[in-house]
N, C-alpha and C. Protein backbone atom coordinates (compact mmCIF):
# COMPACT_ATOMS: atom_id res chain seq x y z
N MET A 1 -46.04 10.48 -38.49
CA MET A 1 -44.53 9.66 -37.74
C MET A 1 -43.42 10.09 -38.80
N ALA A 2 -42.65 11.02 -38.76
CA ALA A 2 -41.91 11.15 -39.78
C ALA A 2 -41.15 9.81 -39.23
N MET A 3 -40.58 8.41 -40.79
CA MET A 3 -39.59 7.81 -40.31
C MET A 3 -38.42 7.58 -41.52
N THR A 4 -37.38 7.64 -41.53
CA THR A 4 -37.27 7.60 -42.84
C THR A 4 -36.78 5.91 -43.72
N ASN A 5 -36.92 5.89 -44.97
CA ASN A 5 -36.31 4.87 -45.29
C ASN A 5 -35.09 3.67 -44.69
N HIS A 6 -34.05 4.14 -43.60
CA HIS A 6 -33.68 3.81 -43.62
C HIS A 6 -33.76 3.13 -42.37
N SER A 7 -34.60 4.37 -41.64
CA SER A 7 -34.80 3.79 -39.79
C SER A 7 -35.87 2.83 -40.41
N LEU A 8 -36.78 2.92 -40.89
CA LEU A 8 -37.69 1.31 -41.00
C LEU A 8 -36.81 0.45 -41.71
N PHE A 9 -36.50 0.52 -42.55
CA PHE A 9 -35.80 -1.15 -42.82
C PHE A 9 -34.87 -1.26 -41.87
N ALA A 10 -34.25 -0.86 -40.86
CA ALA A 10 -33.19 -0.89 -39.61
C ALA A 10 -34.29 -2.00 -38.77
N LEU A 11 -35.63 -0.77 -38.77
CA LEU A 11 -36.55 -1.28 -37.52
C LEU A 11 -37.31 -3.00 -37.63
N LYS A 12 -37.55 -2.90 -39.57
CA LYS A 12 -38.33 -4.08 -39.83
C LYS A 12 -36.78 -5.33 -39.65
N LEU A 13 -35.52 -5.01 -40.48
CA LEU A 13 -34.54 -5.93 -39.80
C LEU A 13 -34.15 -6.28 -38.45
N PHE A 14 -34.26 -5.12 -37.29
CA PHE A 14 -34.83 -5.91 -36.33
C PHE A 14 -35.22 -6.83 -35.65
N SER A 15 -36.67 -6.40 -36.08
CA SER A 15 -37.93 -6.88 -35.64
C SER A 15 -37.82 -8.48 -36.34
N ALA A 16 -37.51 -8.54 -37.28
CA ALA A 16 -37.15 -10.16 -38.32
C ALA A 16 -36.42 -10.96 -37.41
N LEU A 17 -34.97 -10.51 -37.16
CA LEU A 17 -34.19 -11.13 -36.50
C LEU A 17 -34.63 -11.04 -35.29
N GLY A 18 -35.18 -10.65 -34.43
CA GLY A 18 -35.83 -10.46 -33.27
C GLY A 18 -36.32 -11.59 -33.07
N CYS A 19 -37.88 -11.74 -33.95
CA CYS A 19 -38.51 -13.00 -34.16
C CYS A 19 -37.70 -13.93 -33.80
N GLY A 20 -36.86 -14.45 -35.13
CA GLY A 20 -36.23 -15.44 -34.85
C GLY A 20 -35.10 -15.63 -34.20
N LEU A 21 -34.91 -14.89 -33.39
CA LEU A 21 -34.42 -15.27 -32.72
C LEU A 21 -34.91 -16.13 -31.32
N ILE A 22 -35.64 -15.24 -30.78
CA ILE A 22 -37.26 -15.47 -29.66
C ILE A 22 -37.83 -17.15 -30.20
N ALA A 23 -37.94 -17.15 -31.90
CA ALA A 23 -38.49 -18.32 -32.04
C ALA A 23 -37.51 -19.90 -31.50
N GLY A 24 -36.06 -18.85 -31.74
CA GLY A 24 -35.22 -20.21 -32.04
C GLY A 24 -34.74 -20.68 -30.17
N VAL A 25 -34.73 -19.56 -29.35
CA VAL A 25 -34.75 -19.73 -28.16
C VAL A 25 -36.33 -21.20 -28.08
N PHE A 26 -37.16 -20.65 -28.12
CA PHE A 26 -38.50 -21.59 -27.41
C PHE A 26 -38.69 -22.93 -28.20
N PHE A 27 -37.56 -22.41 -29.88
CA PHE A 27 -37.92 -23.95 -30.14
C PHE A 27 -37.16 -24.75 -29.71
N ALA A 28 -35.94 -24.32 -29.03
CA ALA A 28 -35.06 -25.24 -28.34
C ALA A 28 -35.37 -25.54 -27.22
N PHE A 29 -36.34 -24.83 -26.42
CA PHE A 29 -37.01 -25.71 -24.82
C PHE A 29 -37.84 -26.19 -25.75
N SER A 30 -39.39 -26.13 -26.99
CA SER A 30 -40.09 -27.14 -27.19
C SER A 30 -39.17 -28.52 -27.77
N THR A 31 -37.93 -28.42 -28.66
CA THR A 31 -37.57 -29.52 -29.07
C THR A 31 -36.73 -30.75 -28.43
N PHE A 32 -36.00 -30.13 -27.73
CA PHE A 32 -35.09 -30.93 -26.59
C PHE A 32 -34.86 -30.05 -25.00
N VAL A 33 -34.95 -29.20 -24.40
CA VAL A 33 -35.23 -28.68 -22.98
C VAL A 33 -36.15 -29.43 -21.99
N MET A 34 -37.06 -29.36 -22.90
CA MET A 34 -38.46 -29.78 -21.87
C MET A 34 -38.17 -31.49 -21.77
N SER A 35 -38.02 -32.06 -22.60
CA SER A 35 -37.79 -33.63 -22.65
C SER A 35 -36.75 -34.13 -22.14
N ALA A 36 -35.49 -32.79 -21.87
CA ALA A 36 -34.39 -33.46 -20.84
C ALA A 36 -35.05 -33.31 -19.52
N LEU A 37 -35.35 -32.39 -19.49
CA LEU A 37 -36.11 -32.51 -17.49
C LEU A 37 -37.31 -33.18 -17.41
N ALA A 38 -37.84 -33.45 -18.73
CA ALA A 38 -38.82 -34.54 -18.43
C ALA A 38 -38.35 -36.41 -17.53
N ARG A 39 -37.04 -36.49 -18.67
CA ARG A 39 -36.10 -37.50 -18.33
C ARG A 39 -35.82 -37.70 -15.99
N LEU A 40 -35.66 -36.28 -16.48
CA LEU A 40 -34.70 -36.38 -14.76
C LEU A 40 -36.64 -36.50 -13.19
N LYS A 41 -35.96 -37.33 -12.44
CA LYS A 41 -37.28 -37.14 -11.33
C LYS A 41 -37.30 -35.89 -11.09
N PRO A 42 -38.72 -36.16 -10.48
CA PRO A 42 -39.64 -34.05 -10.46
C PRO A 42 -38.64 -33.57 -9.53
N THR A 43 -37.90 -34.15 -8.37
CA THR A 43 -37.45 -32.86 -7.92
C THR A 43 -35.96 -32.23 -8.78
N GLN A 44 -35.85 -33.35 -9.21
CA GLN A 44 -34.35 -32.39 -10.10
C GLN A 44 -34.75 -31.51 -10.67
N GLY A 45 -35.66 -31.99 -11.98
CA GLY A 45 -36.76 -31.10 -12.89
C GLY A 45 -36.80 -29.74 -12.50
N ILE A 46 -37.83 -29.93 -11.14
CA ILE A 46 -38.32 -28.68 -10.74
C ILE A 46 -37.51 -27.96 -10.50
N ILE A 47 -36.14 -28.08 -9.82
CA ILE A 47 -34.91 -27.23 -9.70
C ILE A 47 -34.35 -26.91 -10.81
N ALA A 48 -34.36 -27.75 -11.34
CA ALA A 48 -33.60 -27.46 -12.83
C ALA A 48 -34.52 -25.93 -13.38
N MET A 49 -35.87 -26.49 -13.53
CA MET A 49 -36.60 -25.36 -14.43
C MET A 49 -36.64 -24.18 -13.30
N GLN A 50 -36.78 -23.85 -12.32
CA GLN A 50 -36.86 -22.62 -11.14
C GLN A 50 -35.25 -22.30 -11.70
N SER A 51 -33.79 -22.72 -11.94
CA SER A 51 -33.02 -21.95 -12.04
C SER A 51 -33.23 -21.74 -12.95
N ILE A 52 -33.38 -22.42 -14.29
CA ILE A 52 -34.01 -21.39 -15.58
C ILE A 52 -34.43 -20.41 -15.70
N ASN A 53 -35.81 -20.33 -14.64
CA ASN A 53 -37.11 -19.41 -14.61
C ASN A 53 -36.50 -18.31 -13.66
N ILE A 54 -34.93 -18.52 -13.09
CA ILE A 54 -33.95 -17.35 -11.70
C ILE A 54 -33.57 -16.50 -13.07
N THR A 55 -32.47 -16.97 -14.01
CA THR A 55 -31.36 -16.87 -14.91
C THR A 55 -31.78 -16.21 -16.15
N VAL A 56 -33.24 -17.20 -16.48
CA VAL A 56 -33.44 -16.02 -17.63
C VAL A 56 -34.25 -14.59 -17.88
N ILE A 57 -34.08 -14.42 -16.56
CA ILE A 57 -34.51 -12.75 -16.20
C ILE A 57 -33.10 -11.85 -16.27
N ASN A 58 -32.25 -12.01 -17.53
CA ASN A 58 -31.58 -11.00 -17.47
C ASN A 58 -31.61 -9.91 -18.57
N PRO A 59 -30.67 -9.09 -19.14
CA PRO A 59 -31.10 -7.77 -20.07
C PRO A 59 -30.35 -8.35 -21.18
N LEU A 60 -29.75 -9.57 -21.33
CA LEU A 60 -29.57 -9.96 -22.64
C LEU A 60 -31.72 -10.24 -23.20
N PHE A 61 -31.87 -11.10 -22.57
CA PHE A 61 -32.53 -11.93 -23.13
C PHE A 61 -34.13 -11.10 -23.34
N PHE A 62 -34.13 -10.31 -22.01
CA PHE A 62 -35.00 -9.50 -21.39
C PHE A 62 -35.24 -8.14 -23.11
N THR A 63 -33.84 -7.76 -23.90
CA THR A 63 -33.72 -6.73 -24.30
C THR A 63 -34.16 -7.58 -25.62
N ALA A 64 -34.00 -9.06 -26.36
CA ALA A 64 -34.00 -10.04 -27.33
C ALA A 64 -35.76 -10.04 -27.14
N LEU A 65 -35.74 -10.59 -25.99
CA LEU A 65 -37.85 -10.75 -26.23
C LEU A 65 -39.16 -9.34 -26.04
N PHE A 66 -38.16 -8.21 -25.49
CA PHE A 66 -39.23 -7.29 -25.12
C PHE A 66 -38.76 -5.63 -25.86
N GLY A 67 -37.32 -5.63 -26.38
CA GLY A 67 -37.01 -5.22 -27.33
C GLY A 67 -37.54 -5.39 -28.80
N THR A 68 -37.62 -6.41 -29.24
CA THR A 68 -38.35 -6.99 -30.15
C THR A 68 -39.61 -6.96 -30.14
N ALA A 69 -40.54 -6.79 -29.21
CA ALA A 69 -41.90 -6.30 -28.91
C ALA A 69 -41.98 -4.73 -29.05
N VAL A 70 -41.29 -3.61 -28.80
CA VAL A 70 -40.72 -2.45 -28.73
C VAL A 70 -41.37 -2.17 -30.26
N ALA A 71 -39.91 -2.54 -30.77
CA ALA A 71 -39.61 -2.25 -32.17
C ALA A 71 -41.41 -2.93 -32.83
N CYS A 72 -42.54 -3.92 -32.42
CA CYS A 72 -43.02 -4.38 -32.69
C CYS A 72 -44.51 -3.55 -32.70
N ILE A 73 -44.42 -2.59 -31.91
CA ILE A 73 -45.34 -1.73 -31.81
C ILE A 73 -44.85 -0.94 -32.41
N PHE A 74 -43.96 0.29 -33.20
CA PHE A 74 -43.54 0.91 -33.63
C PHE A 74 -44.21 0.83 -35.25
N LEU A 75 -43.21 -0.68 -35.27
CA LEU A 75 -43.72 -1.19 -36.51
C LEU A 75 -45.49 -1.44 -37.06
N ALA A 76 -46.34 -1.96 -35.58
CA ALA A 76 -48.16 -1.77 -36.13
C ALA A 76 -48.70 -0.73 -36.36
N VAL A 77 -48.04 0.40 -35.31
CA VAL A 77 -48.23 1.70 -35.05
C VAL A 77 -48.09 2.10 -36.92
N PHE A 78 -47.02 2.35 -37.27
CA PHE A 78 -46.63 2.13 -38.39
C PHE A 78 -47.19 2.03 -40.09
N SER A 79 -47.70 0.49 -39.86
CA SER A 79 -48.32 0.40 -40.77
C SER A 79 -49.91 0.65 -40.92
N VAL A 80 -50.45 0.71 -39.68
CA VAL A 80 -51.83 1.22 -39.63
C VAL A 80 -52.27 2.82 -40.46
N LEU A 81 -50.65 4.03 -39.64
CA LEU A 81 -50.88 5.18 -40.49
C LEU A 81 -51.03 5.31 -42.03
N ARG A 82 -49.54 4.13 -42.31
CA ARG A 82 -48.89 4.24 -43.98
C ARG A 82 -49.51 3.04 -44.41
N TRP A 83 -51.31 2.87 -44.15
CA TRP A 83 -51.94 1.27 -45.08
C TRP A 83 -51.54 1.53 -46.16
N HIS A 84 -51.27 2.17 -46.99
CA HIS A 84 -50.97 2.27 -47.95
C HIS A 84 -49.71 1.87 -48.65
N GLN A 85 -48.76 1.98 -47.65
CA GLN A 85 -47.63 1.24 -48.62
C GLN A 85 -47.41 0.01 -48.87
N PRO A 86 -46.81 -0.22 -49.98
CA PRO A 86 -46.54 -1.41 -49.62
C PRO A 86 -45.95 -2.07 -48.81
N GLY A 87 -46.25 -3.61 -48.49
CA GLY A 87 -45.69 -4.04 -46.68
C GLY A 87 -46.83 -4.43 -45.74
N ALA A 88 -47.60 -2.65 -45.94
CA ALA A 88 -48.38 -2.64 -44.72
C ALA A 88 -48.34 -3.55 -43.48
N PHE A 89 -49.35 -4.82 -44.77
CA PHE A 89 -49.79 -5.77 -44.28
C PHE A 89 -49.05 -6.58 -43.75
N TYR A 90 -48.18 -7.15 -44.11
CA TYR A 90 -47.34 -8.21 -43.55
C TYR A 90 -46.71 -7.50 -42.29
N LEU A 91 -45.95 -6.61 -42.07
CA LEU A 91 -45.51 -5.44 -40.88
C LEU A 91 -47.12 -5.24 -39.64
N LEU A 92 -48.04 -5.69 -40.14
CA LEU A 92 -49.44 -5.73 -38.84
C LEU A 92 -49.12 -6.75 -38.87
N VAL A 93 -49.57 -7.34 -39.11
CA VAL A 93 -49.04 -9.28 -39.61
C VAL A 93 -48.44 -9.37 -38.54
N GLY A 94 -47.29 -9.32 -38.92
CA GLY A 94 -46.07 -10.03 -37.71
C GLY A 94 -45.42 -9.50 -36.65
N SER A 95 -46.36 -8.12 -36.15
CA SER A 95 -46.22 -7.22 -35.82
C SER A 95 -47.49 -8.11 -34.39
N LEU A 96 -49.01 -8.19 -34.69
CA LEU A 96 -49.99 -8.78 -33.88
C LEU A 96 -48.80 -10.20 -33.99
N LEU A 97 -48.93 -11.08 -34.75
CA LEU A 97 -48.31 -12.92 -34.62
C LEU A 97 -47.22 -11.80 -33.51
N TYR A 98 -46.18 -11.57 -33.09
CA TYR A 98 -45.46 -11.59 -31.68
C TYR A 98 -45.48 -10.82 -30.50
N LEU A 99 -46.69 -10.23 -30.38
CA LEU A 99 -47.01 -9.04 -29.61
C LEU A 99 -48.82 -10.04 -28.81
N VAL A 100 -49.03 -10.96 -30.09
CA VAL A 100 -50.03 -11.38 -29.53
C VAL A 100 -49.57 -12.96 -29.04
N GLY A 101 -49.38 -13.76 -29.95
CA GLY A 101 -48.91 -14.82 -29.60
C GLY A 101 -47.55 -15.45 -29.25
N THR A 102 -46.96 -14.03 -29.02
CA THR A 102 -45.13 -14.52 -28.30
C THR A 102 -45.61 -13.96 -27.28
N ILE A 103 -45.90 -12.68 -27.05
CA ILE A 103 -46.06 -11.95 -25.40
C ILE A 103 -46.94 -12.06 -24.73
N GLY A 104 -47.90 -12.21 -25.51
CA GLY A 104 -49.55 -11.70 -24.93
C GLY A 104 -49.25 -13.55 -24.39
N VAL A 105 -48.71 -15.01 -24.94
CA VAL A 105 -48.66 -16.15 -24.49
C VAL A 105 -48.35 -15.97 -23.56
N THR A 106 -47.07 -15.15 -23.51
CA THR A 106 -45.74 -15.43 -22.44
C THR A 106 -46.26 -15.32 -21.16
N ILE A 107 -47.04 -14.17 -21.29
CA ILE A 107 -47.38 -13.14 -20.11
C ILE A 107 -48.64 -13.81 -19.54
N VAL A 108 -49.92 -14.51 -20.06
CA VAL A 108 -50.96 -15.18 -19.73
C VAL A 108 -50.84 -16.41 -19.26
N PHE A 109 -49.91 -17.36 -20.71
CA PHE A 109 -49.90 -18.69 -19.66
C PHE A 109 -48.36 -18.88 -19.29
N ASN A 110 -47.53 -18.94 -19.60
CA ASN A 110 -46.07 -19.23 -19.33
C ASN A 110 -45.92 -18.48 -17.63
N VAL A 111 -45.59 -17.18 -18.06
CA VAL A 111 -45.21 -16.49 -16.60
C VAL A 111 -46.17 -17.24 -15.50
N PRO A 112 -47.76 -17.70 -14.95
CA PRO A 112 -48.42 -17.93 -14.50
C PRO A 112 -47.95 -19.26 -13.81
N LEU A 113 -47.83 -20.29 -15.06
CA LEU A 113 -46.62 -21.15 -15.06
C LEU A 113 -45.77 -21.50 -14.04
N ASN A 114 -44.61 -20.56 -14.66
CA ASN A 114 -43.72 -20.36 -13.99
C ASN A 114 -43.75 -19.71 -12.79
N GLU A 115 -44.57 -18.75 -11.94
CA GLU A 115 -44.82 -18.33 -10.99
C GLU A 115 -45.35 -19.42 -9.87
N ALA A 116 -46.56 -20.45 -10.73
CA ALA A 116 -46.56 -21.71 -9.33
C ALA A 116 -45.40 -22.32 -9.23
N LEU A 117 -44.67 -22.94 -9.97
CA LEU A 117 -43.59 -23.36 -9.80
C LEU A 117 -42.73 -23.22 -9.05
N ALA A 118 -41.89 -21.38 -9.05
CA ALA A 118 -41.26 -21.24 -8.19
C ALA A 118 -41.43 -21.79 -6.63
N ILE A 119 -43.05 -20.82 -6.22
CA ILE A 119 -43.30 -21.80 -5.09
C ILE A 119 -43.00 -23.04 -4.47
N VAL A 120 -43.21 -23.96 -5.35
CA VAL A 120 -43.75 -25.24 -5.24
C VAL A 120 -42.25 -25.94 -4.23
N ASP A 121 -42.75 -27.12 -3.36
CA ASP A 121 -41.47 -27.56 -2.97
C ASP A 121 -40.87 -28.41 -3.37
N PRO A 122 -39.86 -28.58 -4.41
CA PRO A 122 -39.29 -29.44 -5.55
C PRO A 122 -39.41 -31.09 -4.91
N GLY A 123 -39.72 -31.26 -3.31
CA GLY A 123 -39.13 -32.84 -2.81
C GLY A 123 -40.87 -32.83 -2.78
N SER A 124 -41.73 -32.45 -2.59
CA SER A 124 -43.18 -32.99 -1.92
C SER A 124 -43.63 -33.44 -2.96
N THR A 125 -44.90 -33.77 -2.80
CA THR A 125 -46.02 -34.41 -3.80
C THR A 125 -46.73 -33.82 -4.46
N GLU A 126 -47.57 -32.21 -3.92
CA GLU A 126 -47.46 -31.20 -4.06
C GLU A 126 -46.26 -30.59 -5.60
N GLY A 127 -45.69 -30.85 -5.31
CA GLY A 127 -44.65 -30.37 -6.18
C GLY A 127 -44.63 -31.05 -7.28
N ALA A 128 -44.06 -32.94 -7.38
CA ALA A 128 -44.33 -34.10 -8.03
C ALA A 128 -45.75 -34.12 -8.92
N ASN A 129 -46.71 -33.43 -8.40
CA ASN A 129 -48.15 -33.27 -9.25
C ASN A 129 -47.92 -31.83 -10.16
N LEU A 130 -47.45 -31.48 -9.40
CA LEU A 130 -47.28 -29.77 -10.41
C LEU A 130 -46.64 -30.29 -11.72
N TRP A 131 -45.42 -31.07 -11.52
CA TRP A 131 -44.53 -30.74 -12.36
C TRP A 131 -44.68 -31.78 -13.32
N SER A 132 -45.68 -32.64 -12.88
CA SER A 132 -46.11 -33.50 -14.24
C SER A 132 -47.51 -32.55 -15.69
N ARG A 133 -47.97 -31.54 -14.96
CA ARG A 133 -49.10 -31.19 -15.17
C ARG A 133 -47.78 -29.69 -16.22
N TYR A 134 -47.21 -28.92 -15.27
CA TYR A 134 -46.39 -28.22 -15.23
C TYR A 134 -45.47 -28.55 -17.44
N LEU A 135 -44.93 -29.49 -17.34
CA LEU A 135 -44.22 -29.96 -18.32
C LEU A 135 -45.35 -30.07 -19.82
N ILE A 136 -46.90 -30.65 -19.33
CA ILE A 136 -47.18 -30.57 -20.80
C ILE A 136 -48.13 -29.45 -21.09
N ASN A 137 -48.28 -28.65 -19.67
CA ASN A 137 -49.24 -27.27 -19.91
C ASN A 137 -48.03 -25.81 -20.70
N TRP A 138 -46.59 -26.28 -20.13
CA TRP A 138 -45.90 -25.13 -20.35
C TRP A 138 -45.45 -24.66 -21.86
N THR A 139 -44.75 -26.81 -22.15
CA THR A 139 -44.53 -27.24 -23.13
C THR A 139 -45.67 -26.68 -24.58
N ILE A 140 -46.73 -27.01 -24.41
CA ILE A 140 -47.64 -26.79 -25.34
C ILE A 140 -48.12 -24.81 -25.58
N TRP A 141 -47.97 -24.25 -24.37
CA TRP A 141 -47.98 -23.10 -24.92
C TRP A 141 -47.18 -22.76 -24.72
N ASN A 142 -45.50 -23.39 -24.75
CA ASN A 142 -43.86 -22.68 -25.72
C ASN A 142 -44.11 -22.98 -27.31
N HIS A 143 -44.91 -24.06 -27.23
CA HIS A 143 -45.20 -24.56 -28.73
C HIS A 143 -46.01 -22.97 -29.83
N ILE A 144 -47.19 -22.10 -29.10
CA ILE A 144 -47.32 -21.41 -29.69
C ILE A 144 -46.90 -20.43 -29.26
N ARG A 145 -46.14 -19.90 -28.35
CA ARG A 145 -45.44 -19.45 -29.08
C ARG A 145 -44.20 -18.89 -29.64
N ALA A 146 -43.51 -20.35 -29.87
CA ALA A 146 -42.50 -20.02 -30.67
C ALA A 146 -43.21 -20.06 -31.80
N ALA A 147 -44.46 -20.95 -32.01
CA ALA A 147 -45.04 -20.82 -33.60
C ALA A 147 -45.08 -19.93 -34.01
N ALA A 148 -45.41 -18.50 -33.16
CA ALA A 148 -45.87 -17.60 -33.34
C ALA A 148 -44.62 -16.26 -33.92
N ALA A 149 -43.83 -16.59 -33.18
CA ALA A 149 -42.50 -16.19 -33.45
C ALA A 149 -42.10 -16.28 -34.61
N LEU A 150 -41.68 -17.28 -34.87
CA LEU A 150 -41.61 -17.79 -36.24
C LEU A 150 -42.23 -17.57 -37.47
N ALA A 151 -43.78 -17.54 -37.73
CA ALA A 151 -44.16 -17.06 -37.87
C ALA A 151 -44.48 -14.79 -38.21
N ALA A 152 -44.04 -14.33 -37.37
CA ALA A 152 -43.79 -12.95 -36.98
C ALA A 152 -42.36 -12.65 -38.12
N ALA A 153 -41.15 -13.75 -37.63
CA ALA A 153 -40.60 -13.15 -37.82
C ALA A 153 -40.47 -13.49 -40.27
N ALA A 154 -40.74 -14.44 -39.76
CA ALA A 154 -41.40 -14.75 -41.70
C ALA A 154 -42.50 -13.60 -42.53
N SER A 155 -43.07 -13.17 -41.33
CA SER A 155 -43.55 -11.65 -42.40
C SER A 155 -43.35 -10.85 -42.09
N PHE A 156 -42.22 -10.59 -40.90
CA PHE A 156 -41.38 -9.11 -40.93
C PHE A 156 -40.16 -9.91 -42.67
N THR A 157 -39.85 -10.71 -42.74
CA THR A 157 -38.55 -11.04 -43.78
C THR A 157 -39.41 -10.68 -45.03
N ILE A 158 -40.96 -10.82 -44.90
CA ILE A 158 -41.66 -10.28 -46.82
C ILE A 158 -41.54 -8.79 -46.43
N ALA A 159 -42.26 -8.74 -45.99
CA ALA A 159 -42.05 -7.27 -45.68
C ALA A 159 -40.57 -6.18 -46.19
N LEU A 160 -39.70 -6.88 -45.50
CA LEU A 160 -38.28 -6.07 -45.90
C LEU A 160 -38.17 -6.40 -47.98
N CYS A 161 -38.78 -7.08 -48.33
CA CYS A 161 -38.69 -7.72 -49.61
C CYS A 161 -39.60 -5.78 -50.48
N TYR A 162 -40.40 -5.23 -49.60
CA TYR A 162 -41.03 -4.44 -50.21
C TYR A 162 -40.40 -3.03 -49.77
N ARG A 163 -40.43 -2.05 -50.76
CA ARG A 163 -39.48 -0.91 -51.04
C ARG A 163 -40.70 0.14 -49.95
N THR A 164 -40.39 0.97 -49.67
CA THR A 164 -41.72 2.26 -48.98
C THR A 164 -40.88 3.54 -49.22
N SER A 165 -42.11 3.92 -50.30
CA SER A 165 -41.68 5.26 -50.87
C SER A 165 -41.83 6.55 -49.86
N GLN A 166 -40.64 7.31 -49.63
CA GLN A 166 -41.11 8.34 -48.65
C GLN A 166 -42.13 9.13 -48.67
N SER A 167 -42.98 9.31 -47.46
CA SER A 167 -43.78 10.57 -47.99
C SER A 167 -44.02 11.50 -46.62
């Protein structure tokens, strides 16, 4: 895998910024968006979150979320192939934190919760019961993915401090 120092630097920077951006989005949800939604009547909260879950599916957010994941895959492979390079450990750790702790948690936990919420009748008793569990469970998993993305951003930032020699 031939990668120039400039390309590697750009990929590390993109990954650090992407992880930080996603951490910020998830941090916002964990610290005030979900609390605000919890203050609404269940019907209103469900409708609002259903709308959020539809509008989040857009090119800008998906580029940030999954573009960062693609960059992490490249950096993980690079770090394994060039383990002797300075900072390779931080590239691998950052990549795994983001891929497992952010993308993996999103796919395995948050998305199924969103899918269950999408099909519930907001005005039903079932909807109100689901909403009370959803608020707790979704937010716990969101805390985890926010922390993982932030830790990944920190790891990539540390990796940026190392110069990679060309070989």
